[in-house]
Amino acid sequence: MAEEQGIPPFDPEGAVYVYAAMADHIAARIETGELRANARLAGERALAEEYGVALGTARRAIEELRQRGLVVTLPAKGTFVATPQPASDAETDAV
């Protein structure tokens, strides 16, 4: 189903680190709308199981997504897809 939406398959054997491949795959799911803004992601353990990776790899992938601004983690609540922020005036003036 994911490939039908334009999401490339997750490839843990590819040329990039597994955590980066996992983060890229989740980012693609966000970009295509499969994971919508404010949607709660599965827990780290569940994601590790879903992707067939170690728990530490899943944690690092989520951290990568946080650094990209694609997800936010709320203590005792979970990790959620970030709401897209409108472009600032400085960014739109440069165009």
PDB file of N, CA and C in Angstrom:
ATOM      1  N   MET A   1       0.820  -1.189   0.000  1.00  0.00           N
ATOM      2  CA  MET A   1       0.000   0.000   0.000  1.00  0.00           C
ATOM      3  C   MET A   1       0.866   1.255   0.000  1.00  0.00           C
ATOM      4  N   ALA A   2       1.933   1.253   0.785  1.00  0.00           N
ATOM      5  CA  ALA A   2       2.795   2.433   0.873  1.00  0.00           C
ATOM      6  C   ALA A   2       3.413   2.765  -0.478  1.00  0.00           C
ATOM      7  N   GLU A   3       3.821   1.742  -1.239  1.00  0.00           N
ATOM      8  CA  GLU A   3       4.431   1.995  -2.539  1.00  0.00           C
ATOM      9  C   GLU A   3       3.429   2.628  -3.495  1.00  0.00           C
ATOM     10  N   GLU A   4       2.141   2.296  -3.344  1.00  0.00           N
ATOM     11  CA  GLU A   4       1.116   2.875  -4.197  1.00  0.00           C
ATOM     12  C   GLU A   4       1.005   4.377  -3.963  1.00  0.00           C
ATOM     13  N   GLN A   5       1.333   4.835  -2.757  1.00  0.00           N
ATOM     14  CA  GLN A   5       1.234   6.253  -2.412  1.00  0.00           C
ATOM     15  C   GLN A   5       2.522   6.994  -2.726  1.00  0.00           C
ATOM     16  N   GLY A   6       3.495   6.337  -3.318  1.00  0.00           N
ATOM     17  CA  GLY A   6       4.747   6.988  -3.649  1.00  0.00           C
ATOM     18  C   GLY A   6       5.784   6.930  -2.555  1.00  0.00           C
ATOM     19  N   ILE A   7       5.563   6.106  -1.548  1.00  0.00           N
ATOM     20  CA  ILE A   7       6.528   5.962  -0.461  1.00  0.00           C
ATOM     21  C   ILE A   7       7.460   4.813  -0.813  1.00  0.00           C
ATOM     22  N   PRO A   8       8.763   5.094  -0.922  1.00  0.00           N
ATOM     23  CA  PRO A   8       9.687   4.002  -1.235  1.00  0.00           C
ATOM     24  C   PRO A   8       9.723   2.996  -0.094  1.00  0.00           C
ATOM     25  N   PRO A   9      10.003   1.744  -0.379  1.00  0.00           N
ATOM     26  CA  PRO A   9      10.049   0.742   0.678  1.00  0.00           C
ATOM     27  C   PRO A   9      11.215   1.011   1.628  1.00  0.00           C
ATOM     28  N   PHE A  10      11.047   0.624   2.875  1.00  0.00           N
ATOM     29  CA  PHE A  10      12.105   0.739   3.876  1.00  0.00           C
ATOM     30  C   PHE A  10      13.160  -0.311   3.561  1.00  0.00           C
ATOM     31  N   ASP A  11      14.422   0.125   3.413  1.00  0.00           N
ATOM     32  CA  ASP A  11      15.508  -0.782   3.062  1.00  0.00           C
ATOM     33  C   ASP A  11      16.620  -0.695   4.104  1.00  0.00           C
ATOM     34  N   PRO A  12      16.608  -1.585   5.106  1.00  0.00           N
ATOM     35  CA  PRO A  12      17.642  -1.536   6.137  1.00  0.00           C
ATOM     36  C   PRO A  12      19.019  -1.947   5.624  1.00  0.00           C
ATOM     37  N   GLU A  13      19.094  -2.496   4.436  1.00  0.00           N
ATOM     38  CA  GLU A  13      20.365  -2.943   3.861  1.00  0.00           C
ATOM     39  C   GLU A  13      20.958  -1.910   2.911  1.00  0.00           C
ATOM     40  N   GLY A  14      20.331  -0.738   2.814  1.00  0.00           N
ATOM     41  CA  GLY A  14      20.778   0.292   1.881  1.00  0.00           C
ATOM     42  C   GLY A  14      22.077   0.954   2.303  1.00  0.00           C
ATOM     43  N   ALA A  15      22.443   1.998   1.575  1.00  0.00           N
ATOM     44  CA  ALA A  15      23.729   2.669   1.768  1.00  0.00           C
ATOM     45  C   ALA A  15      23.724   3.674   2.914  1.00  0.00           C
ATOM     46  N   VAL A  16      22.566   3.944   3.511  1.00  0.00           N
ATOM     47  CA  VAL A  16      22.504   4.898   4.627  1.00  0.00           C
ATOM     48  C   VAL A  16      22.327   4.137   5.935  1.00  0.00           C
ATOM     49  N   TYR A  17      22.625   4.815   7.043  1.00  0.00           N
ATOM     50  CA  TYR A  17      22.417   4.191   8.351  1.00  0.00           C
ATOM     51  C   TYR A  17      20.962   3.782   8.493  1.00  0.00           C
ATOM     52  N   VAL A  18      20.729   2.702   9.231  1.00  0.00           N
ATOM     53  CA  VAL A  18      19.367   2.178   9.378  1.00  0.00           C
ATOM     54  C   VAL A  18      18.455   3.217  10.020  1.00  0.00           C
ATOM     55  N   TYR A  19      18.941   3.930  11.044  1.00  0.00           N
ATOM     56  CA  TYR A  19      18.084   4.933  11.689  1.00  0.00           C
ATOM     57  C   TYR A  19      17.693   6.021  10.697  1.00  0.00           C
ATOM     58  N   ALA A  20      18.618   6.418   9.813  1.00  0.00           N
ATOM     59  CA  ALA A  20      18.329   7.454   8.819  1.00  0.00           C
ATOM     60  C   ALA A  20      17.333   6.939   7.786  1.00  0.00           C
ATOM     61  N   ALA A  21      17.466   5.676   7.383  1.00  0.00           N
ATOM     62  CA  ALA A  21      16.521   5.085   6.432  1.00  0.00           C
ATOM     63  C   ALA A  21      15.130   5.020   7.052  1.00  0.00           C
ATOM     64  N   MET A  22      15.075   4.664   8.330  1.00  0.00           N
ATOM     65  CA  MET A  22      13.787   4.596   9.035  1.00  0.00           C
ATOM     66  C   MET A  22      13.180   5.990   9.147  1.00  0.00           C
ATOM     67  N   ALA A  23      13.990   6.984   9.513  1.00  0.00           N
ATOM     68  CA  ALA A  23      13.506   8.363   9.610  1.00  0.00           C
ATOM     69  C   ALA A  23      13.025   8.852   8.245  1.00  0.00           C
ATOM     70  N   ASP A  24      13.770   8.552   7.185  1.00  0.00           N
ATOM     71  CA  ASP A  24      13.367   8.952   5.831  1.00  0.00           C
ATOM     72  C   ASP A  24      12.037   8.320   5.443  1.00  0.00           C
ATOM     73  N   HIS A  25      11.858   7.050   5.820  1.00  0.00           N
ATOM     74  CA  HIS A  25      10.619   6.347   5.485  1.00  0.00           C
ATOM     75  C   HIS A  25       9.431   6.969   6.219  1.00  0.00           C
ATOM     76  N   ILE A  26       9.607   7.256   7.504  1.00  0.00           N
ATOM     77  CA  ILE A  26       8.521   7.884   8.264  1.00  0.00           C
ATOM     78  C   ILE A  26       8.257   9.288   7.734  1.00  0.00           C
ATOM     79  N   ALA A  27       9.323  10.021   7.377  1.00  0.00           N
ATOM     80  CA  ALA A  27       9.165  11.361   6.797  1.00  0.00           C
ATOM     81  C   ALA A  27       8.365  11.299   5.498  1.00  0.00           C
ATOM     82  N   ALA A  28       8.624  10.291   4.687  1.00  0.00           N
ATOM     83  CA  ALA A  28       7.866  10.127   3.437  1.00  0.00           C
ATOM     84  C   ALA A  28       6.401   9.841   3.732  1.00  0.00           C
ATOM     85  N   ARG A  29       6.147   9.067   4.784  1.00  0.00           N
ATOM     86  CA  ARG A  29       4.756   8.786   5.174  1.00  0.00           C
ATOM     87  C   ARG A  29       4.051  10.067   5.618  1.00  0.00           C
ATOM     88  N   ILE A  30       4.790  10.960   6.263  1.00  0.00           N
ATOM     89  CA  ILE A  30       4.226  12.243   6.684  1.00  0.00           C
ATOM     90  C   ILE A  30       3.958  13.115   5.461  1.00  0.00           C
ATOM     91  N   GLU A  31       4.924  13.189   4.549  1.00  0.00           N
ATOM     92  CA  GLU A  31       4.801  14.036   3.361  1.00  0.00           C
ATOM     93  C   GLU A  31       3.645  13.619   2.464  1.00  0.00           C
ATOM     94  N   THR A  32       3.378  12.327   2.367  1.00  0.00           N
ATOM     95  CA  THR A  32       2.280  11.863   1.509  1.00  0.00           C
ATOM     96  C   THR A  32       0.921  11.948   2.187  1.00  0.00           C
ATOM     97  N   GLY A  33       0.917  12.262   3.477  1.00  0.00           N
ATOM     98  CA  GLY A  33      -0.351  12.371   4.186  1.00  0.00           C
ATOM     99  C   GLY A  33      -0.806  11.090   4.846  1.00  0.00           C
ATOM    100  N   GLU A  34      -0.032  10.022   4.715  1.00  0.00           N
ATOM    101  CA  GLU A  34      -0.395   8.778   5.402  1.00  0.00           C
ATOM    102  C   GLU A  34      -0.417   9.015   6.913  1.00  0.00           C
ATOM    103  N   LEU A  35       0.551   9.799   7.385  1.00  0.00           N
ATOM    104  CA  LEU A  35       0.578  10.233   8.786  1.00  0.00           C
ATOM    105  C   LEU A  35       0.268  11.721   8.779  1.00  0.00           C
ATOM    106  N   ARG A  36      -0.861  12.095   9.318  1.00  0.00           N
ATOM    107  CA  ARG A  36      -1.314  13.483   9.268  1.00  0.00           C
ATOM    108  C   ARG A  36      -0.828  14.290  10.481  1.00  0.00           C
ATOM    109  N   ALA A  37      -0.888  15.597  10.347  1.00  0.00           N
ATOM    110  CA  ALA A  37      -0.501  16.489  11.440  1.00  0.00           C
ATOM    111  C   ALA A  37      -1.282  16.138  12.702  1.00  0.00           C
ATOM    112  N   ASN A  38      -0.609  16.146  13.812  1.00  0.00           N
ATOM    113  CA  ASN A  38      -1.146  15.843  15.137  1.00  0.00           C
ATOM    114  C   ASN A  38      -1.446  14.368  15.363  1.00  0.00           C
ATOM    115  N   ALA A  39      -1.165  13.512  14.380  1.00  0.00           N
ATOM    116  CA  ALA A  39      -1.370  12.074  14.565  1.00  0.00           C
ATOM    117  C   ALA A  39      -0.309  11.543  15.524  1.00  0.00           C
ATOM    118  N   ARG A  40      -0.710  10.655  16.392  1.00  0.00           N
ATOM    119  CA  ARG A  40       0.221  10.063  17.345  1.00  0.00           C
ATOM    120  C   ARG A  40       0.940   8.896  16.673  1.00  0.00           C
ATOM    121  N   LEU A  41       2.258   8.905  16.776  1.00  0.00           N
ATOM    122  CA  LEU A  41       3.039   7.788  16.265  1.00  0.00           C
ATOM    123  C   LEU A  41       2.970   6.636  17.252  1.00  0.00           C
ATOM    124  N   ALA A  42       3.211   5.452  16.761  1.00  0.00           N
ATOM    125  CA  ALA A  42       3.307   4.298  17.652  1.00  0.00           C
ATOM    126  C   ALA A  42       4.495   4.525  18.584  1.00  0.00           C
ATOM    127  N   GLY A  43       4.495   3.858  19.712  1.00  0.00           N
ATOM    128  CA  GLY A  43       5.603   3.965  20.654  1.00  0.00           C
ATOM    129  C   GLY A  43       6.891   3.434  20.048  1.00  0.00           C
ATOM    130  N   GLU A  44       8.010   3.769  20.678  1.00  0.00           N
ATOM    131  CA  GLU A  44       9.313   3.361  20.149  1.00  0.00           C
ATOM    132  C   GLU A  44       9.433   1.853  20.034  1.00  0.00           C
ATOM    133  N   ARG A  45       8.955   1.129  21.019  1.00  0.00           N
ATOM    134  CA  ARG A  45       9.028  -0.334  20.964  1.00  0.00           C
ATOM    135  C   ARG A  45       8.203  -0.885  19.808  1.00  0.00           C
ATOM    136  N   ALA A  46       7.009  -0.336  19.626  1.00  0.00           N
ATOM    137  CA  ALA A  46       6.147  -0.789  18.535  1.00  0.00           C
ATOM    138  C   ALA A  46       6.767  -0.448  17.178  1.00  0.00           C
ATOM    139  N   LEU A  47       7.366   0.740  17.067  1.00  0.00           N
ATOM    140  CA  LEU A  47       8.031   1.105  15.813  1.00  0.00           C
ATOM    141  C   LEU A  47       9.224   0.201  15.540  1.00  0.00           C
ATOM    142  N   ALA A  48       9.983  -0.110  16.591  1.00  0.00           N
ATOM    143  CA  ALA A  48      11.126  -1.012  16.430  1.00  0.00           C
ATOM    144  C   ALA A  48      10.656  -2.366  15.921  1.00  0.00           C
ATOM    145  N   GLU A  49       9.566  -2.847  16.465  1.00  0.00           N
ATOM    146  CA  GLU A  49       9.026  -4.136  16.028  1.00  0.00           C
ATOM    147  C   GLU A  49       8.491  -4.048  14.595  1.00  0.00           C
ATOM    148  N   GLU A  50       7.773  -2.971  14.287  1.00  0.00           N
ATOM    149  CA  GLU A  50       7.207  -2.786  12.946  1.00  0.00           C
ATOM    150  C   GLU A  50       8.297  -2.755  11.872  1.00  0.00           C
ATOM    151  N   TYR A  51       9.405  -2.071  12.166  1.00  0.00           N
ATOM    152  CA  TYR A  51      10.484  -1.927  11.203  1.00  0.00           C
ATOM    153  C   TYR A  51      11.537  -3.023  11.320  1.00  0.00           C
ATOM    154  N   GLY A  52      11.433  -3.868  12.345  1.00  0.00           N
ATOM    155  CA  GLY A  52      12.396  -4.955  12.515  1.00  0.00           C
ATOM    156  C   GLY A  52      13.785  -4.467  12.887  1.00  0.00           C
ATOM    157  N   VAL A  53      13.838  -3.431  13.733  1.00  0.00           N
ATOM    158  CA  VAL A  53      15.114  -2.848  14.144  1.00  0.00           C
ATOM    159  C   VAL A  53      15.218  -2.884  15.664  1.00  0.00           C
ATOM    160  N   ALA A  54      16.405  -2.577  16.164  1.00  0.00           N
ATOM    161  CA  ALA A  54      16.620  -2.509  17.601  1.00  0.00           C
ATOM    162  C   ALA A  54      15.924  -1.273  18.174  1.00  0.00           C
ATOM    163  N   LEU A  55      15.609  -1.323  19.455  1.00  0.00           N
ATOM    164  CA  LEU A  55      14.945  -0.207  20.120  1.00  0.00           C
ATOM    165  C   LEU A  55      15.786   1.069  20.017  1.00  0.00           C
ATOM    166  N   GLY A  56      17.087   0.952  20.187  1.00  0.00           N
ATOM    167  CA  GLY A  56      17.968   2.123  20.078  1.00  0.00           C
ATOM    168  C   GLY A  56      17.922   2.752  18.699  1.00  0.00           C
ATOM    169  N   THR A  57      17.770   1.938  17.672  1.00  0.00           N
ATOM    170  CA  THR A  57      17.665   2.448  16.302  1.00  0.00           C
ATOM    171  C   THR A  57      16.374   3.232  16.128  1.00  0.00           C
ATOM    172  N   ALA A  58      15.291   2.710  16.665  1.00  0.00           N
ATOM    173  CA  ALA A  58      14.005   3.414  16.586  1.00  0.00           C
ATOM    174  C   ALA A  58      14.079   4.735  17.339  1.00  0.00           C
ATOM    175  N   ARG A  59      14.721   4.737  18.505  1.00  0.00           N
ATOM    176  CA  ARG A  59      14.866   5.971  19.282  1.00  0.00           C
ATOM    177  C   ARG A  59      15.657   7.011  18.496  1.00  0.00           C
ATOM    178  N   ARG A  60      16.712   6.565  17.863  1.00  0.00           N
ATOM    179  CA  ARG A  60      17.550   7.501  17.093  1.00  0.00           C
ATOM    180  C   ARG A  60      16.790   8.028  15.875  1.00  0.00           C
ATOM    181  N   ALA A  61      15.963   7.203  15.256  1.00  0.00           N
ATOM    182  CA  ALA A  61      15.156   7.656  14.116  1.00  0.00           C
ATOM    183  C   ALA A  61      14.162   8.726  14.557  1.00  0.00           C
ATOM    184  N   ILE A  62      13.531   8.531  15.714  1.00  0.00           N
ATOM    185  CA  ILE A  62      12.582   9.516  16.232  1.00  0.00           C
ATOM    186  C   ILE A  62      13.316  10.811  16.564  1.00  0.00           C
ATOM    187  N   GLU A  63      14.510  10.699  17.140  1.00  0.00           N
ATOM    188  CA  GLU A  63      15.317  11.894  17.435  1.00  0.00           C
ATOM    189  C   GLU A  63      15.643  12.641  16.140  1.00  0.00           C
ATOM    190  N   GLU A  64      15.979  11.912  15.095  1.00  0.00           N
ATOM    191  CA  GLU A  64      16.260  12.523  13.791  1.00  0.00           C
ATOM    192  C   GLU A  64      15.030  13.278  13.275  1.00  0.00           C
ATOM    193  N   LEU A  65      13.853  12.689  13.421  1.00  0.00           N
ATOM    194  CA  LEU A  65      12.619  13.342  12.984  1.00  0.00           C
ATOM    195  C   LEU A  65      12.331  14.587  13.819  1.00  0.00           C
ATOM    196  N   ARG A  66      12.649  14.535  15.120  1.00  0.00           N
ATOM    197  CA  ARG A  66      12.491  15.716  15.975  1.00  0.00           C
ATOM    198  C   ARG A  66      13.416  16.833  15.500  1.00  0.00           C
ATOM    199  N   GLN A  67      14.662  16.487  15.179  1.00  0.00           N
ATOM    200  CA  GLN A  67      15.620  17.486  14.705  1.00  0.00           C
ATOM    201  C   GLN A  67      15.179  18.107  13.383  1.00  0.00           C
ATOM    202  N   ARG A  68      14.519  17.334  12.557  1.00  0.00           N
ATOM    203  CA  ARG A  68      14.002  17.847  11.279  1.00  0.00           C
ATOM    204  C   ARG A  68      12.741  18.681  11.467  1.00  0.00           C
ATOM    205  N   GLY A  69      12.169  18.646  12.671  1.00  0.00           N
ATOM    206  CA  GLY A  69      10.949  19.388  12.940  1.00  0.00           C
ATOM    207  C   GLY A  69       9.689  18.700  12.453  1.00  0.00           C
ATOM    208  N   LEU A  70       9.783  17.413  12.178  1.00  0.00           N
ATOM    209  CA  LEU A  70       8.627  16.680  11.658  1.00  0.00           C
ATOM    210  C   LEU A  70       7.753  16.084  12.752  1.00  0.00           C
ATOM    211  N   VAL A  71       8.325  15.844  13.932  1.00  0.00           N
ATOM    212  CA  VAL A  71       7.557  15.301  15.054  1.00  0.00           C
ATOM    213  C   VAL A  71       7.910  16.061  16.320  1.00  0.00           C
ATOM    214  N   VAL A  72       7.002  16.003  17.276  1.00  0.00           N
ATOM    215  CA  VAL A  72       7.248  16.553  18.606  1.00  0.00           C
ATOM    216  C   VAL A  72       6.913  15.463  19.619  1.00  0.00           C
ATOM    217  N   THR A  73       7.694  15.415  20.689  1.00  0.00           N
ATOM    218  CA  THR A  73       7.453  14.436  21.736  1.00  0.00           C
ATOM    219  C   THR A  73       7.039  15.175  22.997  1.00  0.00           C
ATOM    220  N   LEU A  74       5.908  14.777  23.548  1.00  0.00           N
ATOM    221  CA  LEU A  74       5.399  15.358  24.780  1.00  0.00           C
ATOM    222  C   LEU A  74       5.543  14.321  25.887  1.00  0.00           C
ATOM    223  N   PRO A  75       6.270  14.655  26.954  1.00  0.00           N
ATOM    224  CA  PRO A  75       6.456  13.696  28.048  1.00  0.00           C
ATOM    225  C   PRO A  75       5.115  13.171  28.559  1.00  0.00           C
ATOM    226  N   ALA A  76       5.072  11.877  28.755  1.00  0.00           N
ATOM    227  CA  ALA A  76       3.895  11.159  29.263  1.00  0.00           C
ATOM    228  C   ALA A  76       2.706  11.195  28.299  1.00  0.00           C
ATOM    229  N   LYS A  77       2.898  11.706  27.099  1.00  0.00           N
ATOM    230  CA  LYS A  77       1.821  11.746  26.097  1.00  0.00           C
ATOM    231  C   LYS A  77       2.172  10.926  24.864  1.00  0.00           C
ATOM    232  N   GLY A  78       3.396  11.077  24.353  1.00  0.00           N
ATOM    233  CA  GLY A  78       3.807  10.354  23.166  1.00  0.00           C
ATOM    234  C   GLY A  78       4.445  11.272  22.151  1.00  0.00           C
ATOM    235  N   THR A  79       4.655  10.717  20.960  1.00  0.00           N
ATOM    236  CA  THR A  79       5.263  11.462  19.863  1.00  0.00           C
ATOM    237  C   THR A  79       4.201  11.685  18.798  1.00  0.00           C
ATOM    238  N   PHE A  80       4.121  12.912  18.325  1.00  0.00           N
ATOM    239  CA  PHE A  80       3.078  13.318  17.397  1.00  0.00           C
ATOM    240  C   PHE A  80       3.687  13.973  16.166  1.00  0.00           C
ATOM    241  N   VAL A  81       2.998  13.839  15.037  1.00  0.00           N
ATOM    242  CA  VAL A  81       3.413  14.520  13.814  1.00  0.00           C
ATOM    243  C   VAL A  81       3.219  16.013  14.053  1.00  0.00           C
ATOM    244  N   ALA A  82       4.255  16.785  13.774  1.00  0.00           N
ATOM    245  CA  ALA A  82       4.209  18.232  13.986  1.00  0.00           C
ATOM    246  C   ALA A  82       3.253  18.892  13.008  1.00  0.00           C
ATOM    247  N   THR A  83       2.648  19.969  13.457  1.00  0.00           N
ATOM    248  CA  THR A  83       1.799  20.775  12.595  1.00  0.00           C
ATOM    249  C   THR A  83       2.700  21.629  11.723  1.00  0.00           C
ATOM    250  N   PRO A  84       2.503  21.606  10.411  1.00  0.00           N
ATOM    251  CA  PRO A  84       3.358  22.425   9.539  1.00  0.00           C
ATOM    252  C   PRO A  84       3.260  23.893   9.928  1.00  0.00           C
ATOM    253  N   GLN A  85       4.413  24.543   9.997  1.00  0.00           N
ATOM    254  CA  GLN A  85       4.468  25.960  10.338  1.00  0.00           C
ATOM    255  C   GLN A  85       4.427  26.785   9.055  1.00  0.00           C
ATOM    256  N   PRO A  86       3.642  27.853   9.047  1.00  0.00           N
ATOM    257  CA  PRO A  86       3.621  28.714   7.851  1.00  0.00           C
ATOM    258  C   PRO A  86       4.982  29.376   7.688  1.00  0.00           C
ATOM    259  N   ALA A  87       5.335  29.665   6.445  1.00  0.00           N
ATOM    260  CA  ALA A  87       6.610  30.309   6.155  1.00  0.00           C
ATOM    261  C   ALA A  87       6.625  31.685   6.792  1.00  0.00           C
ATOM    262  N   SER A  88       7.758  32.069   7.349  1.00  0.00           N
ATOM    263  CA  SER A  88       7.881  33.391   7.948  1.00  0.00           C
ATOM    264  C   SER A  88       7.956  34.451   6.866  1.00  0.00           C
ATOM    265  N   ASP A  89       7.740  35.699   7.233  1.00  0.00           N
ATOM    266  CA  ASP A  89       7.786  36.800   6.264  1.00  0.00           C
ATOM    267  C   ASP A  89       9.165  36.916   5.623  1.00  0.00           C
ATOM    268  N   ALA A  90      10.212  36.662   6.403  1.00  0.00           N
ATOM    269  CA  ALA A  90      11.563  36.765   5.862  1.00  0.00           C
ATOM    270  C   ALA A  90      11.787  35.734   4.759  1.00  0.00           C
ATOM    271  N   GLU A  91      11.232  34.524   4.938  1.00  0.00           N
ATOM    272  CA  GLU A  91      11.396  33.486   3.917  1.00  0.00           C
ATOM    273  C   GLU A  91      10.590  33.825   2.665  1.00  0.00           C
ATOM    274  N   THR A  92       9.412  34.377   2.822  1.00  0.00           N
ATOM    275  CA  THR A  92       8.589  34.672   1.647  1.00  0.00           C
ATOM    276  C   THR A  92       9.100  35.908   0.910  1.00  0.00           C
ATOM    277  N   ASP A  93       9.729  36.865   1.632  1.00  0.00           N
ATOM    278  CA  ASP A  93      10.291  38.041   0.983  1.00  0.00           C
ATOM    279  C   ASP A  93      11.481  37.688   0.094  1.00  0.00           C
ATOM    280  N   ALA A  94      12.219  36.633   0.464  1.00  0.00           N
ATOM    281  CA  ALA A  94      13.402  36.248  -0.291  1.00  0.00           C
ATOM    282  C   ALA A  94      13.034  35.634  -1.635  1.00  0.00           C
ATOM    283  N   VAL A  95      11.812  35.196  -1.801  1.00  0.00           N
ATOM    284  CA  VAL A  95      11.383  34.531  -3.025  1.00  0.00           C
ATOM    285  C   VAL A  95      11.014  35.486  -4.056  1.00  0.00           C
TER     286      VAL A  95
END
